[in-house]
Amino acid sequence: MKLSVKALMFASGIGWALIVLVVGILNMIFAGYGAAYLQTLAAPFPWYSASGGIGDLIIGIIWALVVGGVCGIIFALLYNAFAGKKAAPKRAAARRPAPKKKAAPKKKKTAPKKKAAPKKKKTAPKKKR
């Protein structure tokens, strides 16, 4: 079974962007929440400084979307390269035999009918006068 590269790209990109969004909003509400995580993201993401502002949060979300998508592509391509040769076994339900067609009833062979001898017409006896 192969993975859809496009689907995994969108799923991982959106997933990571949502994580950065939630942690960033919680950091704005509760000072210091997830600060170590946001500082870790500040190292590889250019123009993101984890200052706790809305503009900085938007930049972090965009970078998380891009990097998550790229990671999803790489993962899907590697998975398909290693698992693509051998197909996964089908489930038992998928291997059900096709329904059999009902055979037409067989006609019994009968001996050919003999033609009946033509019936003689009965004539009424002639009356004597």
N, C-alpha and C. Protein backbone atom coordinates (compact mmCIF):
# COMPACT_ATOMS: atom_id res chain seq x y z
N MET A 1 0.85 -1.16 0.00
CA MET A 1 0.00 0.00 0.00
C MET A 1 0.90 1.23 0.00
N LYS A 2 0.60 2.17 -0.86
CA LYS A 2 1.40 3.38 -0.93
C LYS A 2 0.67 4.54 -0.26
N LEU A 3 1.46 5.48 0.24
CA LEU A 3 0.90 6.68 0.85
C LEU A 3 0.71 7.75 -0.22
N SER A 4 -0.31 8.55 -0.05
CA SER A 4 -0.52 9.69 -0.93
C SER A 4 0.42 10.81 -0.49
N VAL A 5 1.31 11.20 -1.37
CA VAL A 5 2.31 12.21 -1.01
C VAL A 5 1.63 13.55 -0.72
N LYS A 6 0.68 13.92 -1.57
CA LYS A 6 0.00 15.20 -1.41
C LYS A 6 -0.81 15.24 -0.11
N ALA A 7 -1.51 14.15 0.19
CA ALA A 7 -2.33 14.12 1.41
C ALA A 7 -1.45 14.20 2.66
N LEU A 8 -0.35 13.48 2.67
CA LEU A 8 0.53 13.51 3.83
C LEU A 8 1.21 14.86 3.97
N MET A 9 1.52 15.51 2.84
CA MET A 9 2.12 16.85 2.89
C MET A 9 1.16 17.83 3.57
N PHE A 10 -0.11 17.82 3.14
CA PHE A 10 -1.07 18.75 3.73
C PHE A 10 -1.35 18.40 5.20
N ALA A 11 -1.48 17.13 5.49
CA ALA A 11 -1.80 16.73 6.86
C ALA A 11 -0.69 17.10 7.84
N SER A 12 0.55 16.82 7.48
CA SER A 12 1.64 17.13 8.41
C SER A 12 1.89 18.63 8.49
N GLY A 13 1.75 19.34 7.39
CA GLY A 13 1.93 20.79 7.43
C GLY A 13 0.88 21.48 8.28
N ILE A 14 -0.38 21.11 8.06
CA ILE A 14 -1.46 21.72 8.84
C ILE A 14 -1.37 21.29 10.31
N GLY A 15 -1.00 20.03 10.54
CA GLY A 15 -0.87 19.56 11.92
C GLY A 15 0.18 20.33 12.70
N TRP A 16 1.34 20.53 12.10
CA TRP A 16 2.40 21.24 12.81
C TRP A 16 2.05 22.72 12.98
N ALA A 17 1.40 23.30 11.96
CA ALA A 17 0.98 24.70 12.09
C ALA A 17 -0.04 24.87 13.21
N LEU A 18 -0.95 23.92 13.37
CA LEU A 18 -1.92 24.01 14.46
C LEU A 18 -1.25 23.89 15.82
N ILE A 19 -0.24 23.05 15.91
CA ILE A 19 0.48 22.92 17.18
C ILE A 19 1.17 24.24 17.54
N VAL A 20 1.82 24.85 16.57
CA VAL A 20 2.50 26.13 16.82
C VAL A 20 1.47 27.20 17.18
N LEU A 21 0.31 27.19 16.52
CA LEU A 21 -0.74 28.16 16.81
C LEU A 21 -1.24 28.01 18.25
N VAL A 22 -1.54 26.79 18.65
CA VAL A 22 -2.07 26.56 20.00
C VAL A 22 -1.04 26.93 21.07
N VAL A 23 0.19 26.50 20.88
CA VAL A 23 1.23 26.82 21.86
C VAL A 23 1.49 28.33 21.90
N GLY A 24 1.48 28.97 20.73
CA GLY A 24 1.69 30.43 20.69
C GLY A 24 0.57 31.20 21.37
N ILE A 25 -0.68 30.78 21.16
CA ILE A 25 -1.81 31.46 21.83
C ILE A 25 -1.75 31.24 23.33
N LEU A 26 -1.46 30.00 23.74
CA LEU A 26 -1.34 29.74 25.18
C LEU A 26 -0.17 30.50 25.80
N ASN A 27 0.88 30.73 25.03
CA ASN A 27 2.02 31.52 25.50
C ASN A 27 1.61 32.97 25.70
N MET A 28 0.73 33.48 24.83
CA MET A 28 0.26 34.86 24.99
C MET A 28 -0.66 34.99 26.21
N ILE A 29 -1.49 33.97 26.44
CA ILE A 29 -2.42 34.03 27.57
C ILE A 29 -1.70 33.79 28.89
N PHE A 30 -0.93 32.72 28.96
CA PHE A 30 -0.19 32.37 30.16
C PHE A 30 1.29 32.59 29.89
N ALA A 31 1.84 33.64 30.42
CA ALA A 31 3.23 34.00 30.15
C ALA A 31 4.17 32.85 30.52
N GLY A 32 5.03 32.49 29.60
CA GLY A 32 6.03 31.46 29.84
C GLY A 32 5.59 30.07 29.42
N TYR A 33 4.29 29.88 29.05
CA TYR A 33 3.84 28.55 28.65
C TYR A 33 4.47 28.17 27.31
N GLY A 34 5.14 27.06 27.24
CA GLY A 34 5.74 26.57 26.01
C GLY A 34 6.88 27.43 25.49
N ALA A 35 7.48 28.22 26.37
CA ALA A 35 8.54 29.13 25.93
C ALA A 35 9.74 28.36 25.40
N ALA A 36 10.07 27.26 26.02
CA ALA A 36 11.23 26.46 25.57
C ALA A 36 10.96 25.90 24.16
N TYR A 37 9.73 25.45 23.93
CA TYR A 37 9.38 24.92 22.60
C TYR A 37 9.46 26.02 21.55
N LEU A 38 8.91 27.18 21.85
CA LEU A 38 8.94 28.29 20.89
C LEU A 38 10.36 28.79 20.64
N GLN A 39 11.21 28.78 21.66
CA GLN A 39 12.60 29.17 21.47
C GLN A 39 13.34 28.16 20.59
N THR A 40 12.97 26.89 20.73
CA THR A 40 13.57 25.86 19.88
C THR A 40 13.19 26.08 18.43
N LEU A 41 11.94 26.50 18.19
CA LEU A 41 11.51 26.78 16.82
C LEU A 41 12.17 28.03 16.25
N ALA A 42 12.58 28.93 17.11
CA ALA A 42 13.19 30.18 16.65
C ALA A 42 14.56 29.94 16.01
N ALA A 43 15.21 28.86 16.37
CA ALA A 43 16.55 28.61 15.82
C ALA A 43 16.51 28.30 14.32
N PRO A 44 15.71 27.35 13.83
CA PRO A 44 15.75 27.05 12.39
C PRO A 44 14.85 27.96 11.54
N PHE A 45 13.87 28.64 12.13
CA PHE A 45 12.94 29.46 11.34
C PHE A 45 13.46 30.89 11.24
N PRO A 46 13.80 31.33 10.03
CA PRO A 46 14.23 32.73 9.89
C PRO A 46 13.08 33.69 10.17
N TRP A 47 13.34 34.83 10.68
CA TRP A 47 12.42 35.92 11.00
C TRP A 47 11.46 35.58 12.12
N TYR A 48 11.66 34.46 12.79
CA TYR A 48 10.81 34.09 13.93
C TYR A 48 11.66 34.20 15.17
N SER A 49 11.20 35.02 16.13
CA SER A 49 12.02 35.24 17.32
C SER A 49 11.37 34.77 18.61
N ALA A 50 10.15 34.23 18.56
CA ALA A 50 9.43 33.74 19.73
C ALA A 50 9.26 34.82 20.79
N SER A 51 8.91 36.03 20.32
CA SER A 51 8.73 37.15 21.25
C SER A 51 7.36 37.15 21.92
N GLY A 52 6.41 36.40 21.37
CA GLY A 52 5.08 36.36 21.97
C GLY A 52 4.10 37.32 21.33
N GLY A 53 4.47 37.98 20.24
CA GLY A 53 3.56 38.89 19.56
C GLY A 53 2.76 38.17 18.48
N ILE A 54 1.69 38.85 18.02
CA ILE A 54 0.82 38.24 17.00
C ILE A 54 1.55 38.11 15.67
N GLY A 55 2.30 39.13 15.27
CA GLY A 55 3.05 39.07 14.00
C GLY A 55 4.08 37.94 14.02
N ASP A 56 4.72 37.79 15.15
CA ASP A 56 5.70 36.72 15.30
C ASP A 56 5.03 35.35 15.26
N LEU A 57 3.82 35.26 15.82
CA LEU A 57 3.07 34.01 15.80
C LEU A 57 2.67 33.63 14.37
N ILE A 58 2.27 34.60 13.58
CA ILE A 58 1.88 34.34 12.18
C ILE A 58 3.08 33.84 11.38
N ILE A 59 4.23 34.44 11.60
CA ILE A 59 5.45 33.98 10.90
C ILE A 59 5.78 32.54 11.32
N GLY A 60 5.64 32.24 12.60
CA GLY A 60 5.90 30.88 13.09
C GLY A 60 4.93 29.87 12.49
N ILE A 61 3.66 30.26 12.35
CA ILE A 61 2.67 29.36 11.76
C ILE A 61 2.99 29.09 10.29
N ILE A 62 3.37 30.13 9.55
CA ILE A 62 3.71 29.95 8.13
C ILE A 62 4.91 29.03 7.97
N TRP A 63 5.94 29.25 8.80
CA TRP A 63 7.11 28.38 8.71
C TRP A 63 6.79 26.95 9.11
N ALA A 64 5.94 26.77 10.12
CA ALA A 64 5.56 25.42 10.52
C ALA A 64 4.77 24.72 9.42
N LEU A 65 3.93 25.47 8.72
CA LEU A 65 3.17 24.91 7.60
C LEU A 65 4.10 24.44 6.48
N VAL A 66 5.08 25.28 6.16
CA VAL A 66 6.02 24.93 5.08
C VAL A 66 6.91 23.75 5.48
N VAL A 67 7.51 23.83 6.64
CA VAL A 67 8.43 22.77 7.07
C VAL A 67 7.68 21.46 7.32
N GLY A 68 6.48 21.53 7.88
CA GLY A 68 5.69 20.32 8.08
C GLY A 68 5.31 19.68 6.75
N GLY A 69 4.98 20.49 5.76
CA GLY A 69 4.67 19.95 4.44
C GLY A 69 5.87 19.28 3.80
N VAL A 70 7.03 19.89 3.91
CA VAL A 70 8.25 19.30 3.35
C VAL A 70 8.58 17.99 4.07
N CYS A 71 8.44 17.96 5.39
CA CYS A 71 8.69 16.72 6.13
C CYS A 71 7.70 15.63 5.73
N GLY A 72 6.44 16.01 5.48
CA GLY A 72 5.44 15.04 5.03
C GLY A 72 5.78 14.46 3.67
N ILE A 73 6.27 15.31 2.76
CA ILE A 73 6.68 14.83 1.43
C ILE A 73 7.83 13.84 1.55
N ILE A 74 8.84 14.22 2.34
CA ILE A 74 10.01 13.35 2.49
C ILE A 74 9.61 12.01 3.11
N PHE A 75 8.76 12.05 4.13
CA PHE A 75 8.34 10.81 4.77
C PHE A 75 7.56 9.92 3.81
N ALA A 76 6.62 10.51 3.06
CA ALA A 76 5.81 9.72 2.13
C ALA A 76 6.66 9.12 1.02
N LEU A 77 7.61 9.88 0.49
CA LEU A 77 8.47 9.35 -0.57
C LEU A 77 9.36 8.22 -0.06
N LEU A 78 9.92 8.39 1.14
CA LEU A 78 10.74 7.31 1.70
C LEU A 78 9.91 6.07 1.99
N TYR A 79 8.72 6.27 2.53
CA TYR A 79 7.86 5.12 2.82
C TYR A 79 7.49 4.38 1.54
N ASN A 80 7.10 5.14 0.51
CA ASN A 80 6.72 4.51 -0.75
C ASN A 80 7.90 3.81 -1.42
N ALA A 81 9.11 4.34 -1.23
CA ALA A 81 10.28 3.71 -1.83
C ALA A 81 10.58 2.36 -1.19
N PHE A 82 10.38 2.25 0.12
CA PHE A 82 10.71 1.01 0.81
C PHE A 82 9.54 0.02 0.84
N ALA A 83 8.34 0.50 0.85
CA ALA A 83 7.18 -0.39 0.99
C ALA A 83 6.41 -0.57 -0.31
N GLY A 84 6.82 0.07 -1.38
CA GLY A 84 6.04 0.04 -2.61
C GLY A 84 6.17 -1.23 -3.42
N LYS A 85 7.23 -2.01 -3.23
CA LYS A 85 7.46 -3.19 -4.06
C LYS A 85 6.49 -4.32 -3.75
N LYS A 86 6.24 -4.56 -2.48
CA LYS A 86 5.43 -5.70 -2.09
C LYS A 86 4.06 -5.20 -1.67
N ALA A 87 3.04 -5.74 -2.29
CA ALA A 87 1.68 -5.32 -1.96
C ALA A 87 1.25 -5.96 -0.65
N ALA A 88 0.46 -5.23 0.10
CA ALA A 88 -0.06 -5.75 1.36
C ALA A 88 -1.10 -6.83 1.06
N PRO A 89 -1.19 -7.83 1.93
CA PRO A 89 -2.19 -8.88 1.67
C PRO A 89 -3.60 -8.31 1.77
N LYS A 90 -4.47 -8.83 0.93
CA LYS A 90 -5.84 -8.35 0.93
C LYS A 90 -6.59 -8.96 2.10
N ARG A 91 -7.59 -8.27 2.55
CA ARG A 91 -8.41 -8.78 3.64
C ARG A 91 -9.25 -9.94 3.14
N ALA A 92 -9.67 -10.75 4.05
CA ALA A 92 -10.46 -11.93 3.68
C ALA A 92 -11.76 -11.52 3.02
N ALA A 93 -12.36 -10.43 3.48
CA ALA A 93 -13.64 -10.01 2.90
C ALA A 93 -13.47 -9.59 1.44
N ALA A 94 -12.30 -9.09 1.11
CA ALA A 94 -12.08 -8.65 -0.26
C ALA A 94 -11.85 -9.82 -1.20
N ARG A 95 -11.54 -11.00 -0.64
CA ARG A 95 -11.25 -12.16 -1.48
C ARG A 95 -12.46 -13.07 -1.66
N ARG A 96 -13.63 -12.58 -1.38
CA ARG A 96 -14.82 -13.41 -1.56
C ARG A 96 -14.97 -13.76 -3.02
N PRO A 97 -15.32 -15.00 -3.29
CA PRO A 97 -15.49 -15.36 -4.70
C PRO A 97 -16.72 -14.67 -5.28
N ALA A 98 -16.67 -14.46 -6.55
CA ALA A 98 -17.80 -13.83 -7.22
C ALA A 98 -19.00 -14.76 -7.13
N PRO A 99 -20.19 -14.19 -7.02
CA PRO A 99 -21.36 -15.06 -6.92
C PRO A 99 -21.51 -15.90 -8.18
N LYS A 100 -21.85 -17.17 -7.96
CA LYS A 100 -21.98 -18.08 -9.08
C LYS A 100 -23.31 -17.86 -9.78
N LYS A 101 -23.28 -17.98 -11.08
CA LYS A 101 -24.51 -17.85 -11.84
C LYS A 101 -25.27 -19.17 -11.73
N LYS A 102 -26.58 -19.05 -11.61
CA LYS A 102 -27.38 -20.25 -11.52
C LYS A 102 -27.46 -20.89 -12.89
N ALA A 103 -27.22 -22.19 -12.91
CA ALA A 103 -27.29 -22.90 -14.18
C ALA A 103 -28.74 -23.09 -14.58
N ALA A 104 -29.00 -23.02 -15.86
CA ALA A 104 -30.36 -23.23 -16.36
C ALA A 104 -30.72 -24.69 -16.12
N PRO A 105 -31.98 -24.95 -15.75
CA PRO A 105 -32.36 -26.34 -15.51
C PRO A 105 -32.20 -27.17 -16.79
N LYS A 106 -31.70 -28.38 -16.60
CA LYS A 106 -31.46 -29.24 -17.76
C LYS A 106 -32.78 -29.83 -18.24
N LYS A 107 -32.94 -29.86 -19.56
CA LYS A 107 -34.15 -30.44 -20.14
C LYS A 107 -33.94 -31.94 -20.25
N LYS A 108 -34.99 -32.65 -19.88
CA LYS A 108 -34.92 -34.10 -19.98
C LYS A 108 -35.16 -34.50 -21.43
N LYS A 109 -34.36 -35.39 -21.86
CA LYS A 109 -34.53 -35.89 -23.22
C LYS A 109 -35.64 -36.94 -23.20
N THR A 110 -36.59 -36.78 -24.08
CA THR A 110 -37.68 -37.75 -24.17
C THR A 110 -37.66 -38.36 -25.56
N ALA A 111 -38.19 -39.54 -25.61
CA ALA A 111 -38.26 -40.21 -26.91
C ALA A 111 -39.21 -39.43 -27.80
N PRO A 112 -38.92 -39.40 -29.08
CA PRO A 112 -39.82 -38.64 -29.95
C PRO A 112 -41.20 -39.29 -29.95
N LYS A 113 -42.20 -38.45 -29.96
CA LYS A 113 -43.57 -38.94 -29.92
C LYS A 113 -43.93 -39.57 -31.26
N LYS A 114 -44.64 -40.69 -31.15
CA LYS A 114 -45.11 -41.32 -32.38
C LYS A 114 -46.41 -40.64 -32.76
N LYS A 115 -46.55 -40.51 -34.06
CA LYS A 115 -47.78 -39.90 -34.53
C LYS A 115 -48.91 -40.90 -34.36
N ALA A 116 -49.94 -40.42 -33.81
CA ALA A 116 -51.10 -41.28 -33.58
C ALA A 116 -51.78 -41.57 -34.92
N ALA A 117 -52.30 -42.75 -35.05
CA ALA A 117 -53.00 -43.11 -36.28
C ALA A 117 -54.25 -42.25 -36.37
N PRO A 118 -54.57 -41.83 -37.56
CA PRO A 118 -55.75 -40.99 -37.68
C PRO A 118 -57.00 -41.77 -37.26
N LYS A 119 -57.85 -41.11 -36.58
CA LYS A 119 -59.07 -41.74 -36.08
C LYS A 119 -60.05 -41.91 -37.22
N LYS A 120 -60.70 -43.01 -37.21
CA LYS A 120 -61.73 -43.26 -38.23
C LYS A 120 -63.00 -42.62 -37.74
N LYS A 121 -63.66 -42.02 -38.69
CA LYS A 121 -64.92 -41.39 -38.33
C LYS A 121 -65.97 -42.48 -38.21
N LYS A 122 -66.68 -42.37 -37.19
CA LYS A 122 -67.78 -43.31 -37.01
C LYS A 122 -68.98 -42.76 -37.80
N THR A 123 -69.48 -43.59 -38.56
CA THR A 123 -70.65 -43.18 -39.31
C THR A 123 -71.87 -43.90 -38.73
N ALA A 124 -72.89 -43.21 -38.70
CA ALA A 124 -74.11 -43.82 -38.18
C ALA A 124 -74.64 -44.84 -39.17
N PRO A 125 -75.11 -45.95 -38.70
CA PRO A 125 -75.62 -46.95 -39.62
C PRO A 125 -76.81 -46.39 -40.40
N LYS A 126 -76.87 -46.77 -41.56
CA LYS A 126 -77.94 -46.28 -42.43
C LYS A 126 -79.25 -46.91 -41.98
N LYS A 127 -80.25 -46.13 -41.98
CA LYS A 127 -81.54 -46.61 -41.56
C LYS A 127 -82.25 -47.26 -42.73
N LYS A 128 -82.88 -48.28 -42.44
CA LYS A 128 -83.65 -48.96 -43.47
C LYS A 128 -84.99 -48.33 -43.53
N ARG A 129 -85.51 -48.24 -44.71
CA ARG A 129 -86.79 -47.63 -44.86
C ARG A 129 -87.87 -48.56 -45.14
